[in-house]
Amino acid sequence: MDGQLTERELEVLRLLHTELSVSELGKLLYVSPSTIKSHVKSVYRKLGVSSRKDAVEQAYARKLI
């Protein structure tokens, strides 16, 4: 992992296993969809993955969720 995930990135990561869209995640966390996209990109980079599915798999493997 390039760096530690921030609390907000962890929060977003924990919600990626749901079927919620980026817009729905934004509403749930009271931020804009573009902010969610930024967090997701950062999570992907730090986990070394390129998809939502891979991010969730890595999160379970690393016991982050």
C-alpha atoms as a PDB file:
ATOM      1  CA  MET A   1       0.000   0.000   0.000  1.00  0.00           C
ATOM      2  CA  ASP A   2       1.385   3.409  -0.975  1.00  0.00           C
ATOM      3  CA  GLY A   3       0.044   5.078   2.133  1.00  0.00           C
ATOM      4  CA  GLN A   4      -2.398   4.770   4.918  1.00  0.00           C
ATOM      5  CA  LEU A   5      -6.037   5.255   4.050  1.00  0.00           C
ATOM      6  CA  THR A   6      -7.646   8.260   5.678  1.00  0.00           C
ATOM      7  CA  GLU A   7     -10.716   7.805   7.858  1.00  0.00           C
ATOM      8  CA  ARG A   8     -12.910   9.143   5.056  1.00  0.00           C
ATOM      9  CA  GLU A   9     -11.304   6.823   2.493  1.00  0.00           C
ATOM     10  CA  LEU A  10     -11.956   3.893   4.822  1.00  0.00           C
ATOM     11  CA  GLU A  11     -15.547   5.020   5.184  1.00  0.00           C
ATOM     12  CA  VAL A  12     -15.951   5.140   1.396  1.00  0.00           C
ATOM     13  CA  LEU A  13     -14.165   1.798   0.990  1.00  0.00           C
ATOM     14  CA  ARG A  14     -16.512   0.154   3.480  1.00  0.00           C
ATOM     15  CA  LEU A  15     -19.460   1.325   1.389  1.00  0.00           C
ATOM     16  CA  LEU A  16     -18.060   0.144  -1.948  1.00  0.00           C
ATOM     17  CA  HIS A  17     -19.315  -3.387  -1.362  1.00  0.00           C
ATOM     18  CA  THR A  18     -22.888  -2.065  -1.522  1.00  0.00           C
ATOM     19  CA  GLU A  19     -24.855  -1.533  -4.708  1.00  0.00           C
ATOM     20  CA  LEU A  20     -24.999   2.222  -4.089  1.00  0.00           C
ATOM     21  CA  SER A  21     -24.037   4.519  -6.948  1.00  0.00           C
ATOM     22  CA  VAL A  22     -21.497   7.301  -6.600  1.00  0.00           C
ATOM     23  CA  SER A  23     -24.356   9.819  -6.332  1.00  0.00           C
ATOM     24  CA  GLU A  24     -26.051   7.762  -3.628  1.00  0.00           C
ATOM     25  CA  LEU A  25     -22.777   7.434  -1.705  1.00  0.00           C
ATOM     26  CA  GLY A  26     -22.368  11.197  -1.905  1.00  0.00           C
ATOM     27  CA  LYS A  27     -25.836  11.787  -0.511  1.00  0.00           C
ATOM     28  CA  LEU A  28     -25.244   9.281   2.276  1.00  0.00           C
ATOM     29  CA  LEU A  29     -21.952  10.938   3.271  1.00  0.00           C
ATOM     30  CA  TYR A  30     -23.139  14.510   2.596  1.00  0.00           C
ATOM     31  CA  VAL A  31     -20.530  15.236  -0.070  1.00  0.00           C
ATOM     32  CA  SER A  32     -20.628  15.751  -3.822  1.00  0.00           C
ATOM     33  CA  PRO A  33     -20.263  12.866  -6.279  1.00  0.00           C
ATOM     34  CA  SER A  34     -16.946  14.355  -7.445  1.00  0.00           C
ATOM     35  CA  THR A  35     -15.634  14.163  -3.867  1.00  0.00           C
ATOM     36  CA  ILE A  36     -16.641  10.492  -3.725  1.00  0.00           C
ATOM     37  CA  LYS A  37     -14.866   9.905  -7.044  1.00  0.00           C
ATOM     38  CA  SER A  38     -11.718  11.522  -5.652  1.00  0.00           C
ATOM     39  CA  HIS A  39     -11.819   9.308  -2.570  1.00  0.00           C
ATOM     40  CA  VAL A  40     -12.409   6.206  -4.687  1.00  0.00           C
ATOM     41  CA  LYS A  41      -9.474   7.043  -6.980  1.00  0.00           C
ATOM     42  CA  SER A  42      -7.256   7.538  -3.952  1.00  0.00           C
ATOM     43  CA  VAL A  43      -8.404   4.231  -2.435  1.00  0.00           C
ATOM     44  CA  TYR A  44      -7.719   2.420  -5.720  1.00  0.00           C
ATOM     45  CA  ARG A  45      -4.235   3.937  -5.938  1.00  0.00           C
ATOM     46  CA  LYS A  46      -3.361   3.104  -2.342  1.00  0.00           C
ATOM     47  CA  LEU A  47      -4.646  -0.469  -2.664  1.00  0.00           C
ATOM     48  CA  GLY A  48      -3.073  -0.954  -6.102  1.00  0.00           C
ATOM     49  CA  VAL A  49      -6.349  -1.884  -7.794  1.00  0.00           C
ATOM     50  CA  SER A  50      -8.366  -0.552 -10.698  1.00  0.00           C
ATOM     51  CA  SER A  51     -11.947  -1.596  -9.996  1.00  0.00           C
ATOM     52  CA  ARG A  52     -14.582  -1.473  -7.296  1.00  0.00           C
ATOM     53  CA  LYS A  53     -14.664  -5.277  -7.118  1.00  0.00           C
ATOM     54  CA  ASP A  54     -10.888  -5.494  -6.695  1.00  0.00           C
ATOM     55  CA  ALA A  55     -10.940  -2.783  -4.027  1.00  0.00           C
ATOM     56  CA  VAL A  56     -13.536  -4.697  -2.013  1.00  0.00           C
ATOM     57  CA  GLU A  57     -11.567  -7.942  -2.380  1.00  0.00           C
ATOM     58  CA  GLN A  58      -8.373  -6.224  -1.198  1.00  0.00           C
ATOM     59  CA  ALA A  59     -10.234  -4.616   1.695  1.00  0.00           C
ATOM     60  CA  TYR A  60     -11.443  -8.008   2.897  1.00  0.00           C
ATOM     61  CA  ALA A  61      -8.009  -9.577   2.357  1.00  0.00           C
ATOM     62  CA  ARG A  62      -6.362  -6.809   4.394  1.00  0.00           C
ATOM     63  CA  LYS A  63      -9.130  -6.923   7.006  1.00  0.00           C
ATOM     64  CA  LEU A  64     -10.060  -3.309   6.383  1.00  0.00           C
ATOM     65  CA  ILE A  65     -13.736  -4.297   6.251  1.00  0.00           C
END
